[in-house]
Amino acid sequence: MEYIIGRRRRRPYRERVYRRRISFLRMTEQDCSVAQAYVNQRKLDHEVKTLQVQAGQFSKQTAQWISMVEGFNQALKEIGDVENWARSIEMDMRTIATALEYVHKGQLQSAPS
């Protein structure tokens, strides 16, 4: 029920109070939503900082691993080089041993008995 006062219609007191309460509840709900958004944003900011720190640590650890792998590869190459050098020396020693045997047998055969 509405009352007409002058040119404006005036709602009963209960309806006005009811509308104010609804308006207040809507504002409170919006305020709660804004406050929750703020809390969520703070949590996200904290998570971002944590992830940045962890990413930096992971990057350093990865760089150390890469360095270790490169050192291991270099050591393997050096072992391969030593192995090739050892094979080469072994072949040279066999050649020298064969030549010495050949010379020794030649001396034995040419020596007068």
Protein backbone atom coordinates (compact mmCIF):
# COMPACT_ATOMS: atom_id res chain seq x y z
CA MET A 1 0.00 0.00 0.00
CA GLU A 2 1.35 3.39 -0.94
CA TYR A 3 0.46 6.83 0.25
CA ILE A 4 0.61 9.82 -2.02
CA ILE A 5 2.17 12.86 -0.41
CA GLY A 6 2.38 15.80 -2.69
CA ARG A 7 3.56 14.50 -6.01
CA ARG A 8 5.69 11.68 -4.63
CA ARG A 9 4.42 8.35 -3.54
CA ARG A 10 5.50 7.31 -0.14
CA ARG A 11 5.91 3.68 0.79
CA PRO A 12 4.95 2.40 4.21
CA TYR A 13 7.62 2.34 6.92
CA ARG A 14 8.01 -1.44 6.93
CA GLU A 15 8.61 -1.58 3.20
CA ARG A 16 11.20 1.18 3.44
CA VAL A 17 12.99 -0.61 6.27
CA TYR A 18 12.85 -3.87 4.33
CA ARG A 19 14.34 -2.23 1.21
CA ARG A 20 17.10 -0.61 3.29
CA ARG A 21 17.96 -3.94 4.85
CA ILE A 22 18.10 -5.62 1.44
CA SER A 23 20.26 -2.78 0.15
CA PHE A 24 22.53 -3.10 3.19
CA LEU A 25 22.76 -6.88 2.74
CA ARG A 26 23.62 -6.45 -0.92
CA MET A 27 26.34 -3.95 -0.04
CA THR A 28 27.62 -6.23 2.71
CA GLU A 29 27.65 -9.13 0.28
CA GLN A 30 29.57 -7.02 -2.26
CA ASP A 31 31.96 -5.88 0.46
CA CYS A 32 32.52 -9.51 1.43
CA SER A 33 33.17 -10.38 -2.21
CA VAL A 34 35.66 -7.53 -2.51
CA ALA A 35 37.33 -8.55 0.74
CA GLN A 36 37.54 -12.17 -0.44
CA ALA A 37 39.02 -11.02 -3.77
CA TYR A 38 41.62 -9.02 -1.84
CA VAL A 39 42.49 -12.04 0.33
CA ASN A 40 42.73 -14.24 -2.75
CA GLN A 41 44.98 -11.70 -4.46
CA ARG A 42 47.29 -11.61 -1.43
CA LYS A 43 47.47 -15.40 -1.45
CA LEU A 44 48.27 -15.39 -5.15
CA ASP A 45 50.98 -12.77 -4.66
CA HIS A 46 52.52 -14.91 -1.92
CA GLU A 47 52.38 -18.01 -4.14
CA VAL A 48 54.00 -16.10 -7.01
CA LYS A 49 56.87 -14.99 -4.78
CA THR A 50 57.30 -18.54 -3.48
CA LEU A 51 57.33 -19.92 -7.02
CA GLN A 52 59.84 -17.30 -8.12
CA VAL A 53 62.19 -18.32 -5.30
CA GLN A 54 61.74 -21.99 -6.10
CA ALA A 55 62.30 -21.35 -9.82
CA GLY A 56 65.54 -19.53 -9.00
CA GLN A 57 66.71 -22.40 -6.82
CA PHE A 58 65.77 -24.91 -9.50
CA SER A 59 67.64 -22.86 -12.10
CA LYS A 60 70.79 -22.83 -9.95
CA GLN A 61 70.51 -26.56 -9.29
CA THR A 62 69.99 -27.24 -12.99
CA ALA A 63 73.07 -25.18 -13.84
CA GLN A 64 75.08 -27.23 -11.32
CA TRP A 65 73.80 -30.47 -12.85
CA ILE A 66 74.70 -29.28 -16.34
CA SER A 67 78.18 -28.36 -15.13
CA MET A 68 78.59 -31.80 -13.53
CA VAL A 69 77.44 -33.56 -16.70
CA GLU A 70 79.80 -31.50 -18.83
CA GLY A 71 82.67 -32.38 -16.47
CA PHE A 72 81.70 -36.05 -16.65
CA ASN A 73 81.62 -35.91 -20.45
CA GLN A 74 85.06 -34.28 -20.47
CA ALA A 75 86.39 -37.01 -18.16
CA LEU A 76 84.96 -39.66 -20.47
CA LYS A 77 86.65 -38.03 -23.44
CA GLU A 78 89.93 -37.97 -21.56
CA ILE A 79 89.52 -41.65 -20.66
CA GLY A 80 88.84 -42.35 -24.32
CA ASP A 81 91.97 -40.39 -25.26
CA VAL A 82 94.03 -42.35 -22.71
CA GLU A 83 92.56 -45.61 -23.99
CA ASN A 84 93.47 -44.70 -27.56
CA TRP A 85 96.96 -43.68 -26.43
CA ALA A 86 97.34 -46.99 -24.57
CA ARG A 87 96.27 -48.93 -27.67
CA SER A 88 98.73 -46.99 -29.79
CA ILE A 89 101.58 -47.67 -27.31
CA GLU A 90 100.58 -51.33 -27.15
CA MET A 91 100.69 -51.62 -30.94
CA ASP A 92 104.09 -49.91 -31.01
CA MET A 93 105.39 -52.25 -28.29
CA ARG A 94 104.15 -55.31 -30.20
CA THR A 95 105.83 -54.04 -33.34
CA ILE A 96 109.09 -53.51 -31.43
CA ALA A 97 108.77 -56.93 -29.73
CA THR A 98 108.18 -58.62 -33.09
CA ALA A 99 111.18 -56.83 -34.59
CA LEU A 100 113.38 -57.82 -31.64
CA GLU A 101 112.23 -61.46 -31.93
CA TYR A 102 112.96 -61.39 -35.63
CA VAL A 103 116.44 -59.96 -35.03
CA HIS A 104 117.10 -62.42 -32.23
CA LYS A 105 116.03 -65.40 -34.37
CA GLY A 106 118.19 -64.09 -37.21
CA GLN A 107 121.19 -63.90 -34.90
CA LEU A 108 120.57 -67.42 -33.63
CA GLN A 109 120.38 -68.83 -37.14
CA SER A 110 123.47 -67.04 -38.39
CA ALA A 111 125.58 -67.85 -35.35
CA PRO A 112 128.08 -70.72 -35.94
CA SER A 113 127.54 -73.72 -33.80
